Amino acid sequence: MHADEFKDSKGAEVAAKLKAHSADHLMKISEKGIKKLASKGVIATMLPGTTMFLGKSGFAPARDMLSNGVKVAIATDYNPGSSVFNS
């Protein structure tokens, strides 16, 4: 689920309620959202390339998620609109 990328839209909480396999982006996840993901075993997918490419400040709080028991994955989100990196 695409969640809480530019503002806390409560997407992480919805992902937990729906027992989604994963929630992506999460740059603006709330503390409550982190706790909900942990309680339902939803994997938080970090997409730092998008943050860097769009010039946004503040990466998703992966350390906070990990310390609260959330499983964290990392991915590229490679796409032509918001995460283009050439080798």
PDB file of N, CA and C in Angstrom:
ATOM      1  N   MET A   1       0.841  -1.169   0.000  1.00  0.00           N
ATOM      2  CA  MET A   1       0.000   0.000   0.000  1.00  0.00           C
ATOM      3  C   MET A   1       0.887   1.233   0.000  1.00  0.00           C
ATOM      4  N   HIS A   2       0.590   2.184  -0.831  1.00  0.00           N
ATOM      5  CA  HIS A   2       1.277   3.474  -0.880  1.00  0.00           C
ATOM      6  C   HIS A   2       0.738   4.298   0.280  1.00  0.00           C
ATOM      7  N   ALA A   3       1.604   4.694   1.219  1.00  0.00           N
ATOM      8  CA  ALA A   3       1.092   5.312   2.442  1.00  0.00           C
ATOM      9  C   ALA A   3       1.997   6.414   2.988  1.00  0.00           C
ATOM     10  N   ASP A   4       1.372   7.475   3.448  1.00  0.00           N
ATOM     11  CA  ASP A   4       2.024   8.530   4.244  1.00  0.00           C
ATOM     12  C   ASP A   4       3.310   9.063   3.613  1.00  0.00           C
ATOM     13  N   GLU A   5       3.284   9.294   2.302  1.00  0.00           N
ATOM     14  CA  GLU A   5       4.502   9.744   1.633  1.00  0.00           C
ATOM     15  C   GLU A   5       4.805  11.217   1.910  1.00  0.00           C
ATOM     16  N   PHE A   6       3.869  12.100   1.667  1.00  0.00           N
ATOM     17  CA  PHE A   6       4.129  13.535   1.825  1.00  0.00           C
ATOM     18  C   PHE A   6       3.462  14.144   3.049  1.00  0.00           C
ATOM     19  N   LYS A   7       2.491  13.424   3.609  1.00  0.00           N
ATOM     20  CA  LYS A   7       1.850  13.845   4.856  1.00  0.00           C
ATOM     21  C   LYS A   7       1.287  12.609   5.539  1.00  0.00           C
ATOM     22  N   ASP A   8       1.017  12.741   6.805  1.00  0.00           N
ATOM     23  CA  ASP A   8       0.435  11.621   7.551  1.00  0.00           C
ATOM     24  C   ASP A   8      -1.046  11.542   7.203  1.00  0.00           C
ATOM     25  N   SER A   9      -1.345  10.701   6.227  1.00  0.00           N
ATOM     26  CA  SER A   9      -2.731  10.527   5.784  1.00  0.00           C
ATOM     27  C   SER A   9      -3.397   9.343   6.481  1.00  0.00           C
ATOM     28  N   LYS A  10      -2.731   8.795   7.470  1.00  0.00           N
ATOM     29  CA  LYS A  10      -3.200   7.619   8.221  1.00  0.00           C
ATOM     30  C   LYS A  10      -3.146   6.344   7.383  1.00  0.00           C
ATOM     31  N   GLY A  11      -2.373   6.392   6.303  1.00  0.00           N
ATOM     32  CA  GLY A  11      -2.247   5.236   5.420  1.00  0.00           C
ATOM     33  C   GLY A  11      -1.656   4.017   6.115  1.00  0.00           C
ATOM     34  N   ALA A  12      -0.687   4.230   6.993  1.00  0.00           N
ATOM     35  CA  ALA A  12      -0.099   3.102   7.720  1.00  0.00           C
ATOM     36  C   ALA A  12      -1.140   2.433   8.614  1.00  0.00           C
ATOM     37  N   GLU A  13      -1.994   3.239   9.211  1.00  0.00           N
ATOM     38  CA  GLU A  13      -3.041   2.684  10.067  1.00  0.00           C
ATOM     39  C   GLU A  13      -4.043   1.872   9.250  1.00  0.00           C
ATOM     40  N   VAL A  14      -4.362   2.354   8.057  1.00  0.00           N
ATOM     41  CA  VAL A  14      -5.271   1.612   7.171  1.00  0.00           C
ATOM     42  C   VAL A  14      -4.607   0.308   6.726  1.00  0.00           C
ATOM     43  N   ALA A  15      -3.314   0.375   6.386  1.00  0.00           N
ATOM     44  CA  ALA A  15      -2.591  -0.835   5.980  1.00  0.00           C
ATOM     45  C   ALA A  15      -2.634  -1.886   7.091  1.00  0.00           C
ATOM     46  N   ALA A  16      -2.452  -1.443   8.328  1.00  0.00           N
ATOM     47  CA  ALA A  16      -2.503  -2.367   9.459  1.00  0.00           C
ATOM     48  C   ALA A  16      -3.913  -2.937   9.633  1.00  0.00           C
ATOM     49  N   LYS A  17      -4.905  -2.083   9.537  1.00  0.00           N
ATOM     50  CA  LYS A  17      -6.292  -2.537   9.696  1.00  0.00           C
ATOM     51  C   LYS A  17      -6.654  -3.580   8.644  1.00  0.00           C
ATOM     52  N   LEU A  18      -6.160  -3.378   7.421  1.00  0.00           N
ATOM     53  CA  LEU A  18      -6.449  -4.306   6.324  1.00  0.00           C
ATOM     54  C   LEU A  18      -5.502  -5.506   6.297  1.00  0.00           C
ATOM     55  N   LYS A  19      -4.534  -5.512   7.221  1.00  0.00           N
ATOM     56  CA  LYS A  19      -3.522  -6.563   7.279  1.00  0.00           C
ATOM     57  C   LYS A  19      -2.787  -6.695   5.944  1.00  0.00           C
ATOM     58  N   ALA A  20      -2.406  -5.540   5.384  1.00  0.00           N
ATOM     59  CA  ALA A  20      -1.644  -5.525   4.136  1.00  0.00           C
ATOM     60  C   ALA A  20      -0.305  -6.209   4.346  1.00  0.00           C
ATOM     61  N   HIS A  21       0.262  -6.738   3.287  1.00  0.00           N
ATOM     62  CA  HIS A  21       1.585  -7.359   3.398  1.00  0.00           C
ATOM     63  C   HIS A  21       2.658  -6.307   3.623  1.00  0.00           C
ATOM     64  N   SER A  22       2.486  -5.144   2.952  1.00  0.00           N
ATOM     65  CA  SER A  22       3.486  -4.087   3.118  1.00  0.00           C
ATOM     66  C   SER A  22       2.854  -2.717   2.927  1.00  0.00           C
ATOM     67  N   ALA A  23       3.555  -1.714   3.441  1.00  0.00           N
ATOM     68  CA  ALA A  23       3.187  -0.314   3.233  1.00  0.00           C
ATOM     69  C   ALA A  23       4.458   0.385   2.762  1.00  0.00           C
ATOM     70  N   ASP A  24       4.334   1.196   1.729  1.00  0.00           N
ATOM     71  CA  ASP A  24       5.496   1.794   1.082  1.00  0.00           C
ATOM     72  C   ASP A  24       5.577   3.300   1.298  1.00  0.00           C
ATOM     73  N   HIS A  25       6.771   3.820   1.189  1.00  0.00           N
ATOM     74  CA  HIS A  25       7.131   5.235   1.334  1.00  0.00           C
ATOM     75  C   HIS A  25       7.235   5.603   2.816  1.00  0.00           C
ATOM     76  N   LEU A  26       6.152   5.956   3.466  1.00  0.00           N
ATOM     77  CA  LEU A  26       6.097   6.185   4.918  1.00  0.00           C
ATOM     78  C   LEU A  26       7.001   7.304   5.428  1.00  0.00           C
ATOM     79  N   MET A  27       7.304   8.273   4.587  1.00  0.00           N
ATOM     80  CA  MET A  27       8.166   9.383   4.997  1.00  0.00           C
ATOM     81  C   MET A  27       7.542  10.202   6.129  1.00  0.00           C
ATOM     82  N   LYS A  28       6.226  10.242   6.193  1.00  0.00           N
ATOM     83  CA  LYS A  28       5.537  11.058   7.203  1.00  0.00           C
ATOM     84  C   LYS A  28       4.671  10.223   8.133  1.00  0.00           C
ATOM     85  N   ILE A  29       5.034   8.976   8.339  1.00  0.00           N
ATOM     86  CA  ILE A  29       4.270   8.088   9.214  1.00  0.00           C
ATOM     87  C   ILE A  29       4.256   8.634  10.651  1.00  0.00           C
ATOM     88  N   SER A  30       3.145   8.430  11.322  1.00  0.00           N
ATOM     89  CA  SER A  30       3.015   8.863  12.718  1.00  0.00           C
ATOM     90  C   SER A  30       3.522   7.773  13.659  1.00  0.00           C
ATOM     91  N   GLU A  31       3.713   8.141  14.909  1.00  0.00           N
ATOM     92  CA  GLU A  31       4.100   7.158  15.925  1.00  0.00           C
ATOM     93  C   GLU A  31       3.012   6.089  16.056  1.00  0.00           C
ATOM     94  N   LYS A  32       1.759   6.526  15.990  1.00  0.00           N
ATOM     95  CA  LYS A  32       0.640   5.579  16.059  1.00  0.00           C
ATOM     96  C   LYS A  32       0.680   4.622  14.869  1.00  0.00           C
ATOM     97  N   GLY A  33       0.998   5.153  13.690  1.00  0.00           N
ATOM     98  CA  GLY A  33       1.103   4.314  12.495  1.00  0.00           C
ATOM     99  C   GLY A  33       2.191   3.270  12.639  1.00  0.00           C
ATOM    100  N   ILE A  34       3.324   3.670  13.203  1.00  0.00           N
ATOM    101  CA  ILE A  34       4.428   2.731  13.433  1.00  0.00           C
ATOM    102  C   ILE A  34       3.972   1.602  14.356  1.00  0.00           C
ATOM    103  N   LYS A  35       3.314   1.952  15.434  1.00  0.00           N
ATOM    104  CA  LYS A  35       2.857   0.936  16.393  1.00  0.00           C
ATOM    105  C   LYS A  35       1.829  -0.010  15.756  1.00  0.00           C
ATOM    106  N   LYS A  36       0.961   0.544  14.910  1.00  0.00           N
ATOM    107  CA  LYS A  36      -0.044  -0.298  14.237  1.00  0.00           C
ATOM    108  C   LYS A  36       0.623  -1.268  13.266  1.00  0.00           C
ATOM    109  N   LEU A  37       1.618  -0.783  12.490  1.00  0.00           N
ATOM    110  CA  LEU A  37       2.318  -1.687  11.568  1.00  0.00           C
ATOM    111  C   LEU A  37       2.962  -2.827  12.344  1.00  0.00           C
ATOM    112  N   ALA A  38       3.604  -2.493  13.450  1.00  0.00           N
ATOM    113  CA  ALA A  38       4.261  -3.516  14.271  1.00  0.00           C
ATOM    114  C   ALA A  38       3.257  -4.539  14.791  1.00  0.00           C
ATOM    115  N   SER A  39       2.118  -4.059  15.266  1.00  0.00           N
ATOM    116  CA  SER A  39       1.139  -4.965  15.875  1.00  0.00           C
ATOM    117  C   SER A  39       0.514  -5.922  14.869  1.00  0.00           C
ATOM    118  N   LYS A  40       0.476  -5.557  13.601  1.00  0.00           N
ATOM    119  CA  LYS A  40      -0.143  -6.407  12.578  1.00  0.00           C
ATOM    120  C   LYS A  40       0.866  -7.087  11.663  1.00  0.00           C
ATOM    121  N   GLY A  41       2.157  -6.850  11.899  1.00  0.00           N
ATOM    122  CA  GLY A  41       3.185  -7.517  11.094  1.00  0.00           C
ATOM    123  C   GLY A  41       3.298  -7.005   9.671  1.00  0.00           C
ATOM    124  N   VAL A  42       2.908  -5.769   9.441  1.00  0.00           N
ATOM    125  CA  VAL A  42       3.011  -5.177   8.101  1.00  0.00           C
ATOM    126  C   VAL A  42       4.459  -4.759   7.862  1.00  0.00           C
ATOM    127  N   ILE A  43       5.020  -5.129   6.740  1.00  0.00           N
ATOM    128  CA  ILE A  43       6.393  -4.770   6.397  1.00  0.00           C
ATOM    129  C   ILE A  43       6.423  -3.341   5.869  1.00  0.00           C
ATOM    130  N   ALA A  44       7.301  -2.528   6.423  1.00  0.00           N
ATOM    131  CA  ALA A  44       7.465  -1.139   5.988  1.00  0.00           C
ATOM    132  C   ALA A  44       8.545  -1.102   4.908  1.00  0.00           C
ATOM    133  N   THR A  45       8.194  -0.675   3.717  1.00  0.00           N
ATOM    134  CA  THR A  45       9.149  -0.621   2.616  1.00  0.00           C
ATOM    135  C   THR A  45       9.660   0.794   2.440  1.00  0.00           C
ATOM    136  N   MET A  46      10.952   0.956   2.662  1.00  0.00           N
ATOM    137  CA  MET A  46      11.601   2.257   2.510  1.00  0.00           C
ATOM    138  C   MET A  46      11.981   2.460   1.050  1.00  0.00           C
ATOM    139  N   LEU A  47      11.745   3.662   0.536  1.00  0.00           N
ATOM    140  CA  LEU A  47      12.064   4.000  -0.850  1.00  0.00           C
ATOM    141  C   LEU A  47      12.878   5.290  -0.871  1.00  0.00           C
ATOM    142  N   PRO A  48      14.118   5.254  -0.376  1.00  0.00           N
ATOM    143  CA  PRO A  48      14.898   6.484  -0.239  1.00  0.00           C
ATOM    144  C   PRO A  48      15.232   7.162  -1.560  1.00  0.00           C
ATOM    145  N   GLY A  49      15.263   6.421  -2.653  1.00  0.00           N
ATOM    146  CA  GLY A  49      15.550   7.031  -3.948  1.00  0.00           C
ATOM    147  C   GLY A  49      14.525   8.074  -4.324  1.00  0.00           C
ATOM    148  N   THR A  50      13.275   7.817  -4.004  1.00  0.00           N
ATOM    149  CA  THR A  50      12.214   8.784  -4.291  1.00  0.00           C
ATOM    150  C   THR A  50      12.435  10.065  -3.508  1.00  0.00           C
ATOM    151  N   THR A  51      12.761   9.933  -2.235  1.00  0.00           N
ATOM    152  CA  THR A  51      13.011  11.102  -1.390  1.00  0.00           C
ATOM    153  C   THR A  51      14.151  11.935  -1.968  1.00  0.00           C
ATOM    154  N   MET A  52      15.237  11.269  -2.340  1.00  0.00           N
ATOM    155  CA  MET A  52      16.392  11.986  -2.888  1.00  0.00           C
ATOM    156  C   MET A  52      16.068  12.616  -4.240  1.00  0.00           C
ATOM    157  N   PHE A  53      15.434  11.858  -5.131  1.00  0.00           N
ATOM    158  CA  PHE A  53      15.155  12.345  -6.484  1.00  0.00           C
ATOM    159  C   PHE A  53      14.219  13.553  -6.460  1.00  0.00           C
ATOM    160  N   LEU A  54      13.206  13.525  -5.609  1.00  0.00           N
ATOM    161  CA  LEU A  54      12.244  14.624  -5.546  1.00  0.00           C
ATOM    162  C   LEU A  54      12.748  15.798  -4.718  1.00  0.00           C
ATOM    163  N   GLY A  55      13.889  15.630  -4.059  1.00  0.00           N
ATOM    164  CA  GLY A  55      14.445  16.712  -3.256  1.00  0.00           C
ATOM    165  C   GLY A  55      13.657  16.990  -1.989  1.00  0.00           C
ATOM    166  N   LYS A  56      12.960  15.999  -1.502  1.00  0.00           N
ATOM    167  CA  LYS A  56      12.182  16.149  -0.265  1.00  0.00           C
ATOM    168  C   LYS A  56      13.088  15.971   0.935  1.00  0.00           C
ATOM    169  N   SER A  57      12.748  16.616   2.003  1.00  0.00           N
ATOM    170  CA  SER A  57      13.541  16.453   3.223  1.00  0.00           C
ATOM    171  C   SER A  57      12.884  15.405   4.112  1.00  0.00           C
ATOM    172  N   GLY A  58      13.706  14.678   4.801  1.00  0.00           N
ATOM    173  CA  GLY A  58      13.205  13.705   5.757  1.00  0.00           C
ATOM    174  C   GLY A  58      12.887  12.356   5.169  1.00  0.00           C
ATOM    175  N   PHE A  59      13.759  11.419   5.410  1.00  0.00           N
ATOM    176  CA  PHE A  59      13.515  10.037   5.000  1.00  0.00           C
ATOM    177  C   PHE A  59      12.544   9.391   5.975  1.00  0.00           C
ATOM    178  N   ALA A  60      11.975   8.289   5.575  1.00  0.00           N
ATOM    179  CA  ALA A  60      11.099   7.537   6.478  1.00  0.00           C
ATOM    180  C   ALA A  60      11.903   7.147   7.721  1.00  0.00           C
ATOM    181  N   PRO A  61      11.282   7.167   8.893  1.00  0.00           N
ATOM    182  CA  PRO A  61      11.992   6.900  10.143  1.00  0.00           C
ATOM    183  C   PRO A  61      12.237   5.406  10.384  1.00  0.00           C
ATOM    184  N   ALA A  62      13.108   4.830   9.579  1.00  0.00           N
ATOM    185  CA  ALA A  62      13.364   3.389   9.642  1.00  0.00           C
ATOM    186  C   ALA A  62      13.860   2.944  11.014  1.00  0.00           C
ATOM    187  N   ARG A  63      14.740   3.721  11.628  1.00  0.00           N
ATOM    188  CA  ARG A  63      15.263   3.329  12.948  1.00  0.00           C
ATOM    189  C   ARG A  63      14.148   3.277  13.988  1.00  0.00           C
ATOM    190  N   ASP A  64      13.234   4.240  13.939  1.00  0.00           N
ATOM    191  CA  ASP A  64      12.096   4.223  14.865  1.00  0.00           C
ATOM    192  C   ASP A  64      11.229   2.992  14.622  1.00  0.00           C
ATOM    193  N   MET A  65      11.033   2.666  13.350  1.00  0.00           N
ATOM    194  CA  MET A  65      10.224   1.492  13.030  1.00  0.00           C
ATOM    195  C   MET A  65      10.894   0.226  13.548  1.00  0.00           C
ATOM    196  N   LEU A  66      12.179   0.089  13.270  1.00  0.00           N
ATOM    197  CA  LEU A  66      12.909  -1.097  13.726  1.00  0.00           C
ATOM    198  C   LEU A  66      12.879  -1.231  15.247  1.00  0.00           C
ATOM    199  N   SER A  67      13.067  -0.123  15.949  1.00  0.00           N
ATOM    200  CA  SER A  67      13.077  -0.191  17.410  1.00  0.00           C
ATOM    201  C   SER A  67      11.695  -0.478  17.990  1.00  0.00           C
ATOM    202  N   ASN A  68      10.660  -0.318  17.170  1.00  0.00           N
ATOM    203  CA  ASN A  68       9.302  -0.648  17.605  1.00  0.00           C
ATOM    204  C   ASN A  68       8.841  -2.006  17.087  1.00  0.00           C
ATOM    205  N   GLY A  69       9.753  -2.749  16.470  1.00  0.00           N
ATOM    206  CA  GLY A  69       9.424  -4.110  16.041  1.00  0.00           C
ATOM    207  C   GLY A  69       8.841  -4.237  14.647  1.00  0.00           C
ATOM    208  N   VAL A  70       8.909  -3.187  13.841  1.00  0.00           N
ATOM    209  CA  VAL A  70       8.420  -3.266  12.462  1.00  0.00           C
ATOM    210  C   VAL A  70       9.502  -3.897  11.595  1.00  0.00           C
ATOM    211  N   LYS A  71       9.117  -4.820  10.743  1.00  0.00           N
ATOM    212  CA  LYS A  71      10.052  -5.373   9.771  1.00  0.00           C
ATOM    213  C   LYS A  71      10.179  -4.355   8.642  1.00  0.00           C
ATOM    214  N   VAL A  72      11.423  -4.087   8.234  1.00  0.00           N
ATOM    215  CA  VAL A  72      11.684  -3.047   7.241  1.00  0.00           C
ATOM    216  C   VAL A  72      12.364  -3.647   6.016  1.00  0.00           C
ATOM    217  N   ALA A  73      11.891  -3.232   4.848  1.00  0.00           N
ATOM    218  CA  ALA A  73      12.507  -3.614   3.574  1.00  0.00           C
ATOM    219  C   ALA A  73      12.949  -2.339   2.881  1.00  0.00           C
ATOM    220  N   ILE A  74      13.853  -2.465   1.935  1.00  0.00           N
ATOM    221  CA  ILE A  74      14.296  -1.312   1.170  1.00  0.00           C
ATOM    222  C   ILE A  74      14.167  -1.643  -0.312  1.00  0.00           C
ATOM    223  N   ALA A  75      13.714  -0.663  -1.091  1.00  0.00           N
ATOM    224  CA  ALA A  75      13.509  -0.867  -2.520  1.00  0.00           C
ATOM    225  C   ALA A  75      13.849   0.421  -3.270  1.00  0.00           C
ATOM    226  N   THR A  76      13.903   0.328  -4.586  1.00  0.00           N
ATOM    227  CA  THR A  76      14.293   1.485  -5.390  1.00  0.00           C
ATOM    228  C   THR A  76      13.129   2.375  -5.776  1.00  0.00           C
ATOM    229  N   ASP A  77      11.953   1.809  -5.981  1.00  0.00           N
ATOM    230  CA  ASP A  77      10.808   2.541  -6.540  1.00  0.00           C
ATOM    231  C   ASP A  77      11.174   3.137  -7.891  1.00  0.00           C
ATOM    232  N   TYR A  78      12.052   2.467  -8.612  1.00  0.00           N
ATOM    233  CA  TYR A  78      12.510   2.977  -9.899  1.00  0.00           C
ATOM    234  C   TYR A  78      11.316   3.225 -10.823  1.00  0.00           C
ATOM    235  N   ASN A  79      11.159   4.475 -11.244  1.00  0.00           N
ATOM    236  CA  ASN A  79      10.110   4.840 -12.190  1.00  0.00           C
ATOM    237  C   ASN A  79      10.466   6.184 -12.814  1.00  0.00           C
ATOM    238  N   PRO A  80       9.920   6.500 -13.973  1.00  0.00           N
ATOM    239  CA  PRO A  80      10.310   7.724 -14.677  1.00  0.00           C
ATOM    240  C   PRO A  80       9.795   9.011 -14.058  1.00  0.00           C
ATOM    241  N   GLY A  81       8.882   8.951 -13.123  1.00  0.00           N
ATOM    242  CA  GLY A  81       8.297  10.153 -12.568  1.00  0.00           C
ATOM    243  C   GLY A  81       8.934  10.648 -11.285  1.00  0.00           C
ATOM    244  N   SER A  82       9.405   9.718 -10.451  1.00  0.00           N
ATOM    245  CA  SER A  82       9.878  10.175  -9.142  1.00  0.00           C
ATOM    246  C   SER A  82      11.103   9.451  -8.604  1.00  0.00           C
ATOM    247  N   SER A  83      11.692   8.588  -9.386  1.00  0.00           N
ATOM    248  CA  SER A  83      12.871   7.899  -8.884  1.00  0.00           C
ATOM    249  C   SER A  83      13.698   7.341 -10.042  1.00  0.00           C
ATOM    250  N   VAL A  84      14.357   8.237 -10.753  1.00  0.00           N
ATOM    251  CA  VAL A  84      15.173   7.834 -11.894  1.00  0.00           C
ATOM    252  C   VAL A  84      16.640   8.006 -11.538  1.00  0.00           C
ATOM    253  N   PHE A  85      17.360   6.928 -11.514  1.00  0.00           N
ATOM    254  CA  PHE A  85      18.799   6.971 -11.253  1.00  0.00           C
ATOM    255  C   PHE A  85      19.505   6.150 -12.313  1.00  0.00           C
ATOM    256  N   ASN A  86      20.513   6.714 -12.895  1.00  0.00           N
ATOM    257  CA  ASN A  86      21.309   5.989 -13.893  1.00  0.00           C
ATOM    258  C   ASN A  86      22.593   5.505 -13.260  1.00  0.00           C
ATOM    259  N   SER A  87      23.067   4.376 -13.733  1.00  0.00           N
ATOM    260  CA  SER A  87      24.321   3.824 -13.170  1.00  0.00           C
ATOM    261  C   SER A  87      25.526   4.495 -13.768  1.00  0.00           C
TER     262      SER A  87
END
